Amino acid sequence: MSHTILGFDFGTRKIGIAVGQTQTATAQGIATLFYNHYKVPWDEIDKLIQTWLPDILVVGVAQSADGKETDFLKKTRTFSHQLTTRYGLPIRTVDERLTTQQADGLIQDSTPAGKSITLRRTSVRDQLAAELILMTYLNDFRSN
């Protein structure tokens, strides 16, 4: 049975979102939502939930190396809790400590010489990080 999954790369200014399928184990970035510390863009997330009708939501969680609960980790957990409360969907978390750096590396590697990396990085980095989070989940899902 195939499941549709939305993956979230939660940040303090932007939330990258990707969609994936368990059957094909593929993921694709679909949105970067701008966020401020006070208001999560729920209207835009509502539209994505209505469009993609996911079965599961996956949120990247930046675990600290020493296991301490950072302020950012608390905000991410709050966001995850709000997602499950709002949509009634199961939430899975994935350690995403290095996904933004991986996304930056992939963007740099794929940007032709002489082109602006900054513009490309700004437009796709968070979506690509969400893709990487989702691919981590899908790889773990397939191996179980």
Protein backbone atom coordinates (compact mmCIF):
# COMPACT_ATOMS: atom_id res chain seq x y z
CA MET A 1 0.00 0.00 0.00
CA SER A 2 1.36 3.39 -0.98
CA HIS A 3 1.30 6.36 1.35
CA THR A 4 1.68 10.02 0.48
CA ILE A 5 3.93 11.89 2.87
CA LEU A 6 4.67 15.57 3.40
CA GLY A 7 8.09 16.37 4.81
CA PHE A 8 8.89 19.59 6.65
CA ASP A 9 12.21 21.36 7.16
CA PHE A 10 11.20 23.74 9.95
CA GLY A 11 13.29 26.88 10.34
CA THR A 12 13.05 30.17 12.17
CA ARG A 13 12.37 32.10 8.95
CA LYS A 14 11.29 29.51 6.39
CA ILE A 15 9.68 26.10 6.24
CA GLY A 16 10.70 23.87 3.35
CA ILE A 17 8.15 21.28 2.29
CA ALA A 18 8.49 18.18 0.12
CA VAL A 19 6.05 15.48 -0.95
CA GLY A 20 6.89 11.81 -1.32
CA GLN A 21 5.45 8.35 -1.88
CA THR A 22 6.30 5.20 0.04
CA GLN A 23 5.70 2.97 -3.01
CA THR A 24 8.26 4.70 -5.21
CA ALA A 25 10.47 5.99 -2.35
CA THR A 26 10.74 9.33 -4.11
CA ALA A 27 10.49 12.88 -2.83
CA GLN A 28 10.22 16.30 -4.44
CA GLY A 29 10.39 19.77 -2.95
CA ILE A 30 7.12 21.64 -3.46
CA ALA A 31 7.16 24.81 -1.36
CA THR A 32 9.11 27.23 0.75
CA LEU A 33 6.88 29.06 3.18
CA PHE A 34 7.99 32.21 4.94
CA TYR A 35 7.51 32.20 8.67
CA ASN A 36 8.09 34.62 11.48
CA HIS A 37 8.54 33.73 15.11
CA TYR A 38 4.93 34.54 15.89
CA LYS A 39 2.80 33.16 13.08
CA VAL A 40 3.15 29.82 11.34
CA PRO A 41 1.74 30.06 7.76
CA TRP A 42 -1.16 27.71 8.52
CA ASP A 43 -3.30 28.89 5.57
CA GLU A 44 -0.58 27.84 3.14
CA ILE A 45 0.03 24.55 4.97
CA ASP A 46 -3.76 23.93 4.93
CA LYS A 47 -3.73 24.29 1.13
CA LEU A 48 -0.85 21.84 0.77
CA ILE A 49 -2.58 19.32 3.04
CA GLN A 50 -5.80 19.67 0.99
CA THR A 51 -3.91 19.35 -2.30
CA TRP A 52 -1.70 16.37 -1.47
CA LEU A 53 -3.91 14.56 1.09
CA PRO A 54 -0.96 13.05 2.97
CA ASP A 55 -1.21 9.97 5.14
CA ILE A 56 1.83 10.84 7.25
CA LEU A 57 3.76 14.02 8.09
CA VAL A 58 7.53 13.93 8.63
CA VAL A 59 9.36 16.71 10.45
CA GLY A 60 13.12 17.12 10.53
CA VAL A 61 14.40 17.55 14.08
CA ALA A 62 17.88 18.91 14.73
CA GLN A 63 19.06 16.79 17.64
CA SER A 64 21.96 18.32 19.51
CA ALA A 65 25.13 16.26 19.66
CA ASP A 66 25.11 16.37 23.46
CA GLY A 67 21.41 15.48 23.71
CA LYS A 68 20.41 18.79 25.30
CA GLU A 69 17.00 20.33 24.56
CA THR A 70 17.78 23.57 22.69
CA ASP A 71 15.32 26.43 22.18
CA PHE A 72 15.19 25.59 18.46
CA LEU A 73 14.46 21.92 19.23
CA LYS A 74 11.60 23.01 21.52
CA LYS A 75 10.16 25.19 18.72
CA THR A 76 10.41 22.30 16.27
CA ARG A 77 8.66 19.95 18.69
CA THR A 78 5.92 22.55 19.23
CA PHE A 79 5.48 22.83 15.45
CA SER A 80 5.24 19.02 15.18
CA HIS A 81 2.65 18.90 17.95
CA GLN A 82 0.62 21.65 16.26
CA LEU A 83 0.70 19.70 12.98
CA THR A 84 -0.68 16.54 14.54
CA THR A 85 -3.28 18.43 16.57
CA ARG A 86 -4.42 20.47 13.58
CA TYR A 87 -4.55 17.69 10.98
CA GLY A 88 -4.95 14.50 13.02
CA LEU A 89 -2.22 12.80 11.01
CA PRO A 90 0.63 10.69 12.36
CA ILE A 91 3.90 12.56 12.76
CA ARG A 92 7.30 10.98 12.31
CA THR A 93 10.55 12.76 13.08
CA VAL A 94 13.90 12.40 11.37
CA ASP A 95 17.27 13.66 12.59
CA GLU A 96 18.13 16.44 10.17
CA ARG A 97 21.29 17.95 11.61
CA LEU A 98 23.12 18.20 8.31
CA THR A 99 20.38 18.52 5.69
CA THR A 100 20.75 22.27 5.12
CA GLN A 101 24.51 21.88 4.60
CA GLN A 102 23.86 18.93 2.26
CA ALA A 103 21.33 21.01 0.34
CA ASP A 104 23.85 23.86 0.01
CA GLY A 105 26.46 21.41 -1.30
CA LEU A 106 24.06 19.94 -3.86
CA ILE A 107 23.07 23.42 -5.04
CA GLN A 108 26.69 24.49 -5.37
CA ASP A 109 27.60 21.30 -7.25
CA SER A 110 24.71 21.72 -9.69
CA THR A 111 25.06 25.46 -10.34
CA PRO A 112 26.81 26.23 -13.65
CA ALA A 113 30.00 28.28 -13.44
CA GLY A 114 29.31 31.99 -13.54
CA LYS A 115 25.70 31.68 -12.29
CA SER A 116 24.53 33.15 -9.01
CA ILE A 117 24.46 30.54 -6.28
CA THR A 118 22.86 32.98 -3.83
CA LEU A 119 19.62 33.34 -5.79
CA ARG A 120 19.35 29.62 -6.41
CA ARG A 121 20.19 28.81 -2.80
CA THR A 122 17.51 31.18 -1.53
CA SER A 123 14.82 29.75 -3.78
CA VAL A 124 15.35 26.01 -3.34
CA ARG A 125 17.51 25.26 -0.30
CA ASP A 126 14.66 24.71 2.16
CA GLN A 127 12.71 22.55 -0.29
CA LEU A 128 15.80 20.47 -0.97
CA ALA A 129 16.44 20.09 2.77
CA ALA A 130 12.82 18.89 3.15
CA GLU A 131 13.45 16.42 0.31
CA LEU A 132 16.53 15.08 2.09
CA ILE A 133 14.56 14.70 5.34
CA LEU A 134 11.82 12.85 3.50
CA MET A 135 14.30 10.63 1.65
CA THR A 136 15.89 9.68 4.99
CA TYR A 137 12.45 8.66 6.26
CA LEU A 138 11.61 6.77 3.06
CA ASN A 139 14.93 4.89 3.12
CA ASP A 140 14.31 3.89 6.74
CA PHE A 141 10.70 2.94 5.86
CA ARG A 142 11.82 0.67 3.03
CA SER A 143 14.46 -1.07 5.14
CA ASN A 144 11.92 -2.02 7.85
